[in-house]
Structures are given as C-alpha cells and as structure tokens.
PDB file of N, CA and C in Angstrom:
ATOM      1  N   MET A   1     -29.886  26.149  38.894  1.00  0.00           N
ATOM      2  CA  MET A   1     -30.430  24.997  38.204  1.00  0.00           C
ATOM      3  C   MET A   1     -31.914  24.799  38.532  1.00  0.00           C
ATOM      4  N   THR A   2     -32.267  25.008  39.791  1.00  0.00           N
ATOM      5  CA  THR A   2     -33.677  24.824  40.150  1.00  0.00           C
ATOM      6  C   THR A   2     -34.557  25.914  39.551  1.00  0.00           C
ATOM      7  N   ASP A   3     -33.991  27.104  39.325  1.00  0.00           N
ATOM      8  CA  ASP A   3     -34.773  28.165  38.686  1.00  0.00           C
ATOM      9  C   ASP A   3     -35.142  27.782  37.259  1.00  0.00           C
ATOM     10  N   ILE A   4     -34.208  27.188  36.546  1.00  0.00           N
ATOM     11  CA  ILE A   4     -34.482  26.747  35.175  1.00  0.00           C
ATOM     12  C   ILE A   4     -35.536  25.649  35.188  1.00  0.00           C
ATOM     13  N   LEU A   5     -35.433  24.724  36.122  1.00  0.00           N
ATOM     14  CA  LEU A   5     -36.423  23.651  36.231  1.00  0.00           C
ATOM     15  C   LEU A   5     -37.809  24.212  36.547  1.00  0.00           C
ATOM     16  N   ASN A   6     -37.872  25.162  37.460  1.00  0.00           N
ATOM     17  CA  ASN A   6     -39.165  25.769  37.797  1.00  0.00           C
ATOM     18  C   ASN A   6     -39.776  26.511  36.618  1.00  0.00           C
ATOM     19  N   ILE A   7     -38.964  27.194  35.856  1.00  0.00           N
ATOM     20  CA  ILE A   7     -39.469  27.903  34.680  1.00  0.00           C
ATOM     21  C   ILE A   7     -39.966  26.911  33.635  1.00  0.00           C
ATOM     22  N   LEU A   8     -39.225  25.828  33.412  1.00  0.00           N
ATOM     23  CA  LEU A   8     -39.656  24.813  32.460  1.00  0.00           C
ATOM     24  C   LEU A   8     -40.955  24.139  32.900  1.00  0.00           C
ATOM     25  N   LEU A   9     -41.069  23.856  34.196  1.00  0.00           N
ATOM     26  CA  LEU A   9     -42.302  23.262  34.711  1.00  0.00           C
ATOM     27  C   LEU A   9     -43.481  24.211  34.533  1.00  0.00           C
ATOM     28  N   LEU A  10     -43.276  25.477  34.804  1.00  0.00           N
ATOM     29  CA  LEU A  10     -44.339  26.462  34.636  1.00  0.00           C
ATOM     30  C   LEU A  10     -44.755  26.599  33.179  1.00  0.00           C
ATOM     31  N   LEU A  11     -43.785  26.614  32.270  1.00  0.00           N
ATOM     32  CA  LEU A  11     -44.109  26.697  30.847  1.00  0.00           C
ATOM     33  C   LEU A  11     -44.874  25.462  30.376  1.00  0.00           C
ATOM     34  N   PHE A  12     -44.449  24.287  30.827  1.00  0.00           N
ATOM     35  CA  PHE A  12     -45.155  23.063  30.454  1.00  0.00           C
ATOM     36  C   PHE A  12     -46.563  23.055  31.043  1.00  0.00           C
ATOM     37  N   LEU A  13     -46.715  23.593  32.229  1.00  0.00           N
ATOM     38  CA  LEU A  13     -48.034  23.691  32.854  1.00  0.00           C
ATOM     39  C   LEU A  13     -48.957  24.591  32.038  1.00  0.00           C
ATOM     40  N   ILE A  14     -48.445  25.710  31.587  1.00  0.00           N
ATOM     41  CA  ILE A  14     -49.245  26.635  30.769  1.00  0.00           C
ATOM     42  C   ILE A  14     -49.612  25.992  29.439  1.00  0.00           C
ATOM     43  N   VAL A  15     -48.658  25.299  28.820  1.00  0.00           N
ATOM     44  CA  VAL A  15     -48.935  24.622  27.543  1.00  0.00           C
ATOM     45  C   VAL A  15     -50.005  23.558  27.721  1.00  0.00           C
ATOM     46  N   CYS A  16     -49.927  22.788  28.794  1.00  0.00           N
ATOM     47  CA  CYS A  16     -50.952  21.761  29.061  1.00  0.00           C
ATOM     48  C   CYS A  16     -52.319  22.393  29.266  1.00  0.00           C
ATOM     49  N   ALA A  17     -52.381  23.476  30.010  1.00  0.00           N
ATOM     50  CA  ALA A  17     -53.664  24.120  30.280  1.00  0.00           C
ATOM     51  C   ALA A  17     -54.295  24.660  29.004  1.00  0.00           C
ATOM     52  N   VAL A  18     -53.496  25.296  28.173  1.00  0.00           N
ATOM     53  CA  VAL A  18     -54.024  25.840  26.913  1.00  0.00           C
ATOM     54  C   VAL A  18     -54.436  24.706  25.974  1.00  0.00           C
ATOM     55  N   ALA A  19     -53.642  23.644  25.927  1.00  0.00           N
ATOM     56  CA  ALA A  19     -53.963  22.512  25.056  1.00  0.00           C
ATOM     57  C   ALA A  19     -55.248  21.817  25.505  1.00  0.00           C
ATOM     58  N   VAL A  20     -55.444  21.653  26.798  1.00  0.00           N
ATOM     59  CA  VAL A  20     -56.679  21.030  27.297  1.00  0.00           C
ATOM     60  C   VAL A  20     -57.886  21.872  26.927  1.00  0.00           C
ATOM     61  N   ALA A  21     -57.737  23.177  26.967  1.00  0.00           N
ATOM     62  CA  ALA A  21     -58.862  24.060  26.650  1.00  0.00           C
ATOM     63  C   ALA A  21     -59.220  24.035  25.163  1.00  0.00           C
ATOM     64  N   HIS A  22     -58.236  23.763  24.295  1.00  0.00           N
ATOM     65  CA  HIS A  22     -58.481  23.876  22.860  1.00  0.00           C
ATOM     66  C   HIS A  22     -58.599  22.539  22.129  1.00  0.00           C
ATOM     67  N   ILE A  23     -58.265  21.443  22.758  1.00  0.00           N
ATOM     68  CA  ILE A  23     -58.271  20.159  22.058  1.00  0.00           C
ATOM     69  C   ILE A  23     -59.707  19.661  21.886  1.00  0.00           C
ATOM     70  N   ARG A  24     -59.969  18.989  20.774  1.00  0.00           N
ATOM     71  CA  ARG A  24     -61.330  18.549  20.463  1.00  0.00           C
ATOM     72  C   ARG A  24     -61.590  17.115  20.937  1.00  0.00           C
ATOM     73  N   ASP A  25     -60.590  16.262  20.946  1.00  0.00           N
ATOM     74  CA  ASP A  25     -60.757  14.872  21.345  1.00  0.00           C
ATOM     75  C   ASP A  25     -60.781  14.769  22.870  1.00  0.00           C
ATOM     76  N   LEU A  26     -61.826  14.142  23.394  1.00  0.00           N
ATOM     77  CA  LEU A  26     -62.001  14.102  24.851  1.00  0.00           C
ATOM     78  C   LEU A  26     -60.941  13.253  25.544  1.00  0.00           C
ATOM     79  N   LEU A  27     -60.587  12.121  24.959  1.00  0.00           N
ATOM     80  CA  LEU A  27     -59.592  11.263  25.589  1.00  0.00           C
ATOM     81  C   LEU A  27     -58.229  11.946  25.633  1.00  0.00           C
ATOM     82  N   SER A  28     -57.878  12.643  24.584  1.00  0.00           N
ATOM     83  CA  SER A  28     -56.617  13.394  24.577  1.00  0.00           C
ATOM     84  C   SER A  28     -56.640  14.506  25.622  1.00  0.00           C
ATOM     85  N   ALA A  29     -57.793  15.129  25.786  1.00  0.00           N
ATOM     86  CA  ALA A  29     -57.917  16.179  26.795  1.00  0.00           C
ATOM     87  C   ALA A  29     -57.742  15.610  28.199  1.00  0.00           C
ATOM     88  N   VAL A  30     -58.276  14.425  28.445  1.00  0.00           N
ATOM     89  CA  VAL A  30     -58.121  13.794  29.769  1.00  0.00           C
ATOM     90  C   VAL A  30     -56.659  13.436  30.020  1.00  0.00           C
ATOM     91  N   ILE A  31     -55.969  12.950  28.996  1.00  0.00           N
ATOM     92  CA  ILE A  31     -54.556  12.615  29.154  1.00  0.00           C
ATOM     93  C   ILE A  31     -53.740  13.863  29.454  1.00  0.00           C
ATOM     94  N   LEU A  32     -54.021  14.945  28.754  1.00  0.00           N
ATOM     95  CA  LEU A  32     -53.315  16.198  29.034  1.00  0.00           C
ATOM     96  C   LEU A  32     -53.675  16.756  30.409  1.00  0.00           C
ATOM     97  N   PHE A  33     -54.938  16.583  30.810  1.00  0.00           N
ATOM     98  CA  PHE A  33     -55.350  17.016  32.144  1.00  0.00           C
ATOM     99  C   PHE A  33     -54.609  16.224  33.221  1.00  0.00           C
ATOM    100  N   SER A  34     -54.384  14.940  32.964  1.00  0.00           N
ATOM    101  CA  SER A  34     -53.628  14.119  33.895  1.00  0.00           C
ATOM    102  C   SER A  34     -52.168  14.568  33.963  1.00  0.00           C
ATOM    103  N   ALA A  35     -51.598  14.923  32.814  1.00  0.00           N
ATOM    104  CA  ALA A  35     -50.232  15.453  32.798  1.00  0.00           C
ATOM    105  C   ALA A  35     -50.160  16.775  33.555  1.00  0.00           C
ATOM    106  N   PHE A  36     -51.214  17.592  33.426  1.00  0.00           N
ATOM    107  CA  PHE A  36     -51.299  18.849  34.169  1.00  0.00           C
ATOM    108  C   PHE A  36     -51.248  18.579  35.673  1.00  0.00           C
ATOM    109  N   GLY A  37     -52.017  17.588  36.135  1.00  0.00           N
ATOM    110  CA  GLY A  37     -52.009  17.250  37.557  1.00  0.00           C
ATOM    111  C   GLY A  37     -50.662  16.745  38.029  1.00  0.00           C
ATOM    112  N   LEU A  38     -49.987  15.977  37.189  1.00  0.00           N
ATOM    113  CA  LEU A  38     -48.668  15.468  37.554  1.00  0.00           C
ATOM    114  C   LEU A  38     -47.650  16.598  37.661  1.00  0.00           C
ATOM    115  N   ILE A  39     -47.689  17.530  36.727  1.00  0.00           N
ATOM    116  CA  ILE A  39     -46.791  18.681  36.793  1.00  0.00           C
ATOM    117  C   ILE A  39     -47.104  19.532  38.018  1.00  0.00           C
ATOM    118  N   MET A  40     -48.390  19.689  38.344  1.00  0.00           N
ATOM    119  CA  MET A  40     -48.753  20.439  39.551  1.00  0.00           C
ATOM    120  C   MET A  40     -48.206  19.762  40.802  1.00  0.00           C
ATOM    121  N   ALA A  41     -48.237  18.421  40.827  1.00  0.00           N
ATOM    122  CA  ALA A  41     -47.677  17.696  41.974  1.00  0.00           C
ATOM    123  C   ALA A  41     -46.179  17.944  42.096  1.00  0.00           C
ATOM    124  N   ILE A  42     -45.484  17.977  40.975  1.00  0.00           N
ATOM    125  CA  ILE A  42     -44.044  18.250  41.010  1.00  0.00           C
ATOM    126  C   ILE A  42     -43.789  19.676  41.484  1.00  0.00           C
ATOM    127  N   ILE A  43     -44.604  20.611  41.036  1.00  0.00           N
ATOM    128  CA  ILE A  43     -44.442  22.003  41.463  1.00  0.00           C
ATOM    129  C   ILE A  43     -44.703  22.133  42.964  1.00  0.00           C
ATOM    130  N   TRP A  44     -45.732  21.473  43.484  1.00  0.00           N
ATOM    131  CA  TRP A  44     -45.994  21.517  44.928  1.00  0.00           C
ATOM    132  C   TRP A  44     -44.816  20.930  45.705  1.00  0.00           C
ATOM    133  N   GLN A  45     -44.204  19.882  45.166  1.00  0.00           N
ATOM    134  CA  GLN A  45     -43.040  19.295  45.830  1.00  0.00           C
ATOM    135  C   GLN A  45     -41.881  20.285  45.821  1.00  0.00           C
ATOM    136  N   GLN A  46     -41.685  20.984  44.718  1.00  0.00           N
ATOM    137  CA  GLN A  46     -40.618  21.983  44.632  1.00  0.00           C
ATOM    138  C   GLN A  46     -40.855  23.140  45.603  1.00  0.00           C
ATOM    139  N   LEU A  47     -42.122  23.451  45.865  1.00  0.00           N
ATOM    140  CA  LEU A  47     -42.446  24.536  46.788  1.00  0.00           C
ATOM    141  C   LEU A  47     -42.340  24.109  48.257  1.00  0.00           C
ATOM    142  N   GLY A  48     -42.069  22.835  48.491  1.00  0.00           N
ATOM    143  CA  GLY A  48     -41.883  22.360  49.857  1.00  0.00           C
ATOM    144  C   GLY A  48     -43.155  21.931  50.545  1.00  0.00           C
ATOM    145  N   ALA A  49     -44.128  21.475  49.786  1.00  0.00           N
ATOM    146  CA  ALA A  49     -45.397  21.011  50.346  1.00  0.00           C
ATOM    147  C   ALA A  49     -45.637  19.568  49.898  1.00  0.00           C
ATOM    148  N   PRO A  50     -44.934  18.610  50.512  1.00  0.00           N
ATOM    149  CA  PRO A  50     -45.061  17.224  50.042  1.00  0.00           C
ATOM    150  C   PRO A  50     -46.444  16.617  50.284  1.00  0.00           C
ATOM    151  N   ASP A  51     -47.143  17.062  51.309  1.00  0.00           N
ATOM    152  CA  ASP A  51     -48.475  16.519  51.567  1.00  0.00           C
ATOM    153  C   ASP A  51     -49.459  16.928  50.470  1.00  0.00           C
ATOM    154  N   ILE A  52     -49.396  18.176  50.048  1.00  0.00           N
ATOM    155  CA  ILE A  52     -50.261  18.643  48.960  1.00  0.00           C
ATOM    156  C   ILE A  52     -49.851  17.979  47.655  1.00  0.00           C
ATOM    157  N   ALA A  53     -48.553  17.751  47.461  1.00  0.00           N
ATOM    158  CA  ALA A  53     -48.067  17.093  46.246  1.00  0.00           C
ATOM    159  C   ALA A  53     -48.600  15.672  46.149  1.00  0.00           C
ATOM    160  N   MET A  54     -48.618  14.950  47.265  1.00  0.00           N
ATOM    161  CA  MET A  54     -49.141  13.575  47.235  1.00  0.00           C
ATOM    162  C   MET A  54     -50.630  13.548  46.955  1.00  0.00           C
ATOM    163  N   VAL A  55     -51.372  14.474  47.540  1.00  0.00           N
ATOM    164  CA  VAL A  55     -52.817  14.537  47.291  1.00  0.00           C
ATOM    165  C   VAL A  55     -53.079  14.919  45.837  1.00  0.00           C
ATOM    166  N   GLU A  56     -52.332  15.852  45.312  1.00  0.00           N
ATOM    167  CA  GLU A  56     -52.490  16.248  43.905  1.00  0.00           C
ATOM    168  C   GLU A  56     -52.166  15.088  42.973  1.00  0.00           C
ATOM    169  N   ALA A  57     -51.121  14.351  43.277  1.00  0.00           N
ATOM    170  CA  ALA A  57     -50.752  13.215  42.437  1.00  0.00           C
ATOM    171  C   ALA A  57     -51.814  12.122  42.492  1.00  0.00           C
ATOM    172  N   ALA A  58     -52.358  11.875  43.670  1.00  0.00           N
ATOM    173  CA  ALA A  58     -53.350  10.809  43.801  1.00  0.00           C
ATOM    174  C   ALA A  58     -54.700  11.210  43.221  1.00  0.00           C
ATOM    175  N   LEU A  59     -55.162  12.396  43.553  1.00  0.00           N
ATOM    176  CA  LEU A  59     -56.493  12.820  43.109  1.00  0.00           C
ATOM    177  C   LEU A  59     -56.468  13.477  41.739  1.00  0.00           C
ATOM    178  N   GLY A  60     -55.573  14.422  41.540  1.00  0.00           N
ATOM    179  CA  GLY A  60     -55.539  15.162  40.289  1.00  0.00           C
ATOM    180  C   GLY A  60     -55.092  14.322  39.113  1.00  0.00           C
ATOM    181  N   THR A  61     -54.179  13.409  39.350  1.00  0.00           N
ATOM    182  CA  THR A  61     -53.670  12.588  38.260  1.00  0.00           C
ATOM    183  C   THR A  61     -54.400  11.257  38.169  1.00  0.00           C
ATOM    184  N   GLY A  62     -54.636  10.624  39.293  1.00  0.00           N
ATOM    185  CA  GLY A  62     -55.191   9.279  39.273  1.00  0.00           C
ATOM    186  C   GLY A  62     -56.701   9.203  39.248  1.00  0.00           C
ATOM    187  N   VAL A  63     -57.333   9.614  40.316  1.00  0.00           N
ATOM    188  CA  VAL A  63     -58.778   9.428  40.481  1.00  0.00           C
ATOM    189  C   VAL A  63     -59.571  10.249  39.473  1.00  0.00           C
ATOM    190  N   ALA A  64     -59.193  11.495  39.271  1.00  0.00           N
ATOM    191  CA  ALA A  64     -59.933  12.341  38.327  1.00  0.00           C
ATOM    192  C   ALA A  64     -59.826  11.790  36.915  1.00  0.00           C
ATOM    193  N   ALA A  65     -58.643  11.330  36.528  1.00  0.00           N
ATOM    194  CA  ALA A  65     -58.471  10.769  35.182  1.00  0.00           C
ATOM    195  C   ALA A  65     -59.309   9.502  35.012  1.00  0.00           C
ATOM    196  N   LEU A  66     -59.324   8.649  36.024  1.00  0.00           N
ATOM    197  CA  LEU A  66     -60.131   7.424  35.930  1.00  0.00           C
ATOM    198  C   LEU A  66     -61.617   7.736  35.822  1.00  0.00           C
ATOM    199  N   LEU A  67     -62.092   8.690  36.599  1.00  0.00           N
ATOM    200  CA  LEU A  67     -63.504   9.066  36.529  1.00  0.00           C
ATOM    201  C   LEU A  67     -63.857   9.675  35.181  1.00  0.00           C
ATOM    202  N   LEU A  68     -62.982  10.518  34.649  1.00  0.00           N
ATOM    203  CA  LEU A  68     -63.253  11.131  33.355  1.00  0.00           C
ATOM    204  C   LEU A  68     -63.209  10.101  32.233  1.00  0.00           C
ATOM    205  N   ILE A  69     -62.286   9.161  32.293  1.00  0.00           N
ATOM    206  CA  ILE A  69     -62.229   8.099  31.278  1.00  0.00           C
ATOM    207  C   ILE A  69     -63.463   7.218  31.363  1.00  0.00           C
ATOM    208  N   ALA A  70     -63.933   6.929  32.579  1.00  0.00           N
ATOM    209  CA  ALA A  70     -65.162   6.149  32.731  1.00  0.00           C
ATOM    210  C   ALA A  70     -66.351   6.897  32.156  1.00  0.00           C
ATOM    211  N   ALA A  71     -66.408   8.204  32.339  1.00  0.00           N
ATOM    212  CA  ALA A  71     -67.489   8.989  31.778  1.00  0.00           C
ATOM    213  C   ALA A  71     -67.421   9.029  30.250  1.00  0.00           C
ATOM    214  N   ILE A  72     -66.222   9.128  29.720  1.00  0.00           N
ATOM    215  CA  ILE A  72     -66.067   9.140  28.261  1.00  0.00           C
ATOM    216  C   ILE A  72     -66.469   7.799  27.660  1.00  0.00           C
ATOM    217  N   SER A  73     -66.165   6.720  28.374  1.00  0.00           N
ATOM    218  CA  SER A  73     -66.504   5.397  27.841  1.00  0.00           C
ATOM    219  C   SER A  73     -68.019   5.185  27.760  1.00  0.00           C
ATOM    220  N   LYS A  74     -68.794   5.939  28.515  1.00  0.00           N
ATOM    221  CA  LYS A  74     -70.254   5.829  28.488  1.00  0.00           C
ATOM    222  C   LYS A  74     -70.874   6.641  27.350  1.00  0.00           C
ATOM    223  N   THR A  75     -70.090   7.490  26.701  1.00  0.00           N
ATOM    224  CA  THR A  75     -70.621   8.309  25.616  1.00  0.00           C
ATOM    225  C   THR A  75     -70.291   7.661  24.275  1.00  0.00           C
ATOM    226  N   LYS A  76     -70.993   8.088  23.240  1.00  0.00           N
ATOM    227  CA  LYS A  76     -70.718   7.603  21.896  1.00  0.00           C
ATOM    228  C   LYS A  76     -69.809   8.595  21.195  1.00  0.00           C
ATOM    229  N   ARG A  77     -68.908   8.052  20.411  1.00  0.00           N
ATOM    230  CA  ARG A  77     -67.945   8.872  19.675  1.00  0.00           C
ATOM    231  C   ARG A  77     -68.451   9.100  18.266  1.00  0.00           C
ATOM    232  N   ALA A  78     -68.532  10.345  17.850  1.00  0.00           N
ATOM    233  CA  ALA A  78     -68.952  10.686  16.495  1.00  0.00           C
ATOM    234  C   ALA A  78     -67.728  10.747  15.590  1.00  0.00           C
ATOM    235  N   GLU A  79     -67.788  10.077  14.481  1.00  0.00           N
ATOM    236  CA  GLU A  79     -66.652  10.048  13.543  1.00  0.00           C
ATOM    237  C   GLU A  79     -66.792  11.172  12.553  1.00  0.00           C
TER     238      GLU A  79
END
C-alpha cells in the first residue's frame, strides 16, 4: 500500500513541477509551487525524516508562497 502511495506522490510531484514550469499566470504558478512543497514535505515524512519534512512544510509551502504572493502583488497584471 505504501508503494502505491509513494508512486502517486511522485507522479503528482512531477505533474506539479511541469505545470509550474509551463503555466503563464503567476498566481497559479505560486499555488502549484506551494502544492509542490507540501508534497515534498509528505515525501520527506515517508522517507523517515520528520525534521526535514517540517522545515519543508514551513519554508517551502508557507514562507516562500507568502513572499512570492507579496512580490506578485507589487507588479501590474497585463490583461
């Protein structure tokens, strides 16, 4: 059962990475990047590294997303 979960997590991680690279909307890219960080935190937990998982969840999902959203809010959006 855990093998199937690990494969699904890896596939979702790859899909998020490719989508972030190809998406045109910056806010959508930040949301997908945050999902990427959350999946990475789950993968680190599955690998038995809870300390790295907590740091990834806090920094990769939380702080980085907030900083990127703040940077996007300072730019103008072209319609």
